[in-house]
Amino acid sequence: MPGVSLHPDEIKSWLQQHGHNASWLAKEIGVDKATVSRWLSGRRPVPSPENRLLCLLIRGELPFEIEQLRSDGLLTFSSDEWRRIEELRSREEFPSAEAWVVAKIRTYLAMLPPMRSFGG
């Protein structure tokens, strides 16, 4: 369920299984390696926007609830979440926070194993 914080062991396990490390994750998410180290040690929880993206990457969960989709197809985030996303976006020089979110979701969806089809 999106919004449920990932346990540090789940993040560490995923990184190890996929041949990645804290430096890779820091670069991918757009934070300092020291920040990721604090997440992995359990000294600091993963903030909401990063947690949503990690849930997609690690669990294959969409980083939002269906209720967060507006009728125009846009996602709704709290003002605090948008501020954090804007901060992350600016570090990677995306034209907008929305572009950053879409790019991250697309990247992580591409990293997921292919879905098996059932039936014919």
Protein backbone atom coordinates (compact mmCIF):
# COMPACT_ATOMS: atom_id res chain seq x y z
CA MET A 1 0.00 0.00 0.00
CA PRO A 2 1.53 3.34 -1.00
CA GLY A 3 2.28 5.58 1.92
CA VAL A 4 3.56 2.72 4.07
CA SER A 5 7.20 3.34 4.84
CA LEU A 6 9.69 0.80 3.62
CA HIS A 7 11.75 -0.94 6.27
CA PRO A 8 15.52 -0.32 5.92
CA ASP A 9 16.14 -4.08 5.59
CA GLU A 10 13.75 -4.23 2.62
CA ILE A 11 15.66 -1.44 0.88
CA LYS A 12 19.05 -3.00 1.67
CA SER A 13 17.90 -6.41 0.48
CA TRP A 14 16.60 -5.00 -2.81
CA LEU A 15 19.82 -3.08 -3.42
CA GLN A 16 21.90 -6.20 -2.79
CA GLN A 17 19.69 -8.42 -4.99
CA HIS A 18 19.97 -5.97 -7.87
CA GLY A 19 23.67 -5.21 -7.53
CA HIS A 20 23.18 -1.62 -6.41
CA ASN A 21 24.48 0.29 -3.41
CA ALA A 22 23.66 3.39 -1.35
CA SER A 23 25.58 5.62 -3.78
CA TRP A 24 23.50 4.40 -6.71
CA LEU A 25 20.27 4.95 -4.78
CA ALA A 26 21.34 8.43 -3.69
CA LYS A 27 22.08 9.41 -7.29
CA GLU A 28 18.85 7.85 -8.57
CA ILE A 29 16.64 9.59 -6.01
CA GLY A 30 18.62 12.84 -6.07
CA VAL A 31 19.80 13.00 -2.45
CA ASP A 32 23.14 12.83 -0.66
CA LYS A 33 24.65 9.42 0.07
CA ALA A 34 24.65 10.36 3.79
CA THR A 35 20.86 10.75 3.60
CA VAL A 36 20.47 7.26 2.13
CA SER A 37 22.83 5.92 4.82
CA ARG A 38 20.54 7.39 7.48
CA TRP A 39 17.53 5.72 5.81
CA LEU A 40 19.33 2.37 5.62
CA SER A 41 20.43 2.55 9.24
CA GLY A 42 16.91 3.42 10.37
CA ARG A 43 18.05 6.71 11.89
CA ARG A 44 15.75 8.68 9.61
CA PRO A 45 12.55 7.61 7.83
CA VAL A 46 12.34 7.94 4.07
CA PRO A 47 10.32 11.10 3.22
CA SER A 48 7.02 10.64 1.43
CA PRO A 49 7.97 11.44 -2.20
CA GLU A 50 11.09 9.27 -2.05
CA ASN A 51 9.17 6.53 -0.22
CA ARG A 52 6.52 6.51 -2.95
CA LEU A 53 9.17 6.10 -5.63
CA LEU A 54 10.98 3.39 -3.67
CA CYS A 55 7.71 1.49 -3.23
CA LEU A 56 7.35 1.49 -7.01
CA LEU A 57 10.96 0.45 -7.55
CA ILE A 58 11.15 -2.21 -4.84
CA ARG A 59 7.59 -3.50 -4.49
CA GLY A 60 6.19 -2.63 -7.90
CA GLU A 61 3.49 -0.55 -6.22
CA LEU A 62 2.23 2.55 -7.94
CA PRO A 63 3.35 5.61 -5.97
CA PHE A 64 -0.21 6.82 -5.49
CA GLU A 65 -3.67 5.58 -4.63
CA ILE A 66 -6.28 5.56 -7.39
CA GLU A 67 -8.17 8.18 -5.34
CA GLN A 68 -5.24 10.56 -5.89
CA LEU A 69 -5.88 10.64 -9.62
CA ARG A 70 -7.97 13.62 -10.59
CA SER A 71 -10.52 13.39 -13.38
CA ASP A 72 -8.01 15.09 -15.69
CA GLY A 73 -5.48 12.30 -14.98
CA LEU A 74 -3.19 14.40 -12.81
CA LEU A 75 -1.85 13.19 -9.49
CA THR A 76 -2.53 15.05 -6.30
CA PHE A 77 0.20 15.49 -3.71
CA SER A 78 0.20 17.50 -0.52
CA SER A 79 1.88 20.91 -0.60
CA ASP A 80 4.72 19.48 1.54
CA GLU A 81 5.19 16.63 -0.93
CA TRP A 82 5.24 19.08 -3.87
CA ARG A 83 7.83 21.24 -2.11
CA ARG A 84 10.04 18.18 -1.59
CA ILE A 85 9.53 17.03 -5.19
CA GLU A 86 10.38 20.54 -6.42
CA GLU A 87 13.59 20.43 -4.38
CA LEU A 88 14.55 17.06 -5.89
CA ARG A 89 13.57 18.21 -9.37
CA SER A 90 15.78 21.27 -9.20
CA ARG A 91 18.84 19.16 -8.33
CA GLU A 92 18.40 17.18 -11.53
CA GLU A 93 17.43 20.19 -13.66
CA PHE A 94 14.04 18.91 -14.85
CA PRO A 95 11.79 21.60 -16.30
CA SER A 96 9.03 20.95 -13.74
CA ALA A 97 8.20 18.85 -10.69
CA GLU A 98 5.63 17.01 -12.79
CA ALA A 99 8.28 16.11 -15.38
CA TRP A 100 10.53 14.77 -12.60
CA VAL A 101 7.74 12.57 -11.20
CA VAL A 102 6.81 11.22 -14.65
CA ALA A 103 10.46 10.52 -15.54
CA LYS A 104 11.07 8.67 -12.26
CA ILE A 105 7.90 6.58 -12.61
CA ARG A 106 8.79 5.66 -16.21
CA THR A 107 12.36 4.76 -15.23
CA TYR A 108 11.22 2.55 -12.37
CA LEU A 109 8.46 0.88 -14.38
CA ALA A 110 11.07 -0.01 -17.01
CA MET A 111 13.18 -1.65 -14.29
CA LEU A 112 10.36 -3.92 -13.12
CA PRO A 113 10.29 -7.50 -14.40
CA PRO A 114 7.85 -8.07 -17.25
CA MET A 115 4.33 -9.02 -16.27
CA ARG A 116 3.33 -12.57 -17.09
CA SER A 117 0.22 -12.96 -19.18
CA PHE A 118 -2.30 -15.51 -18.10
CA GLY A 119 -4.49 -17.49 -20.41
CA GLY A 120 -4.32 -17.77 -24.16
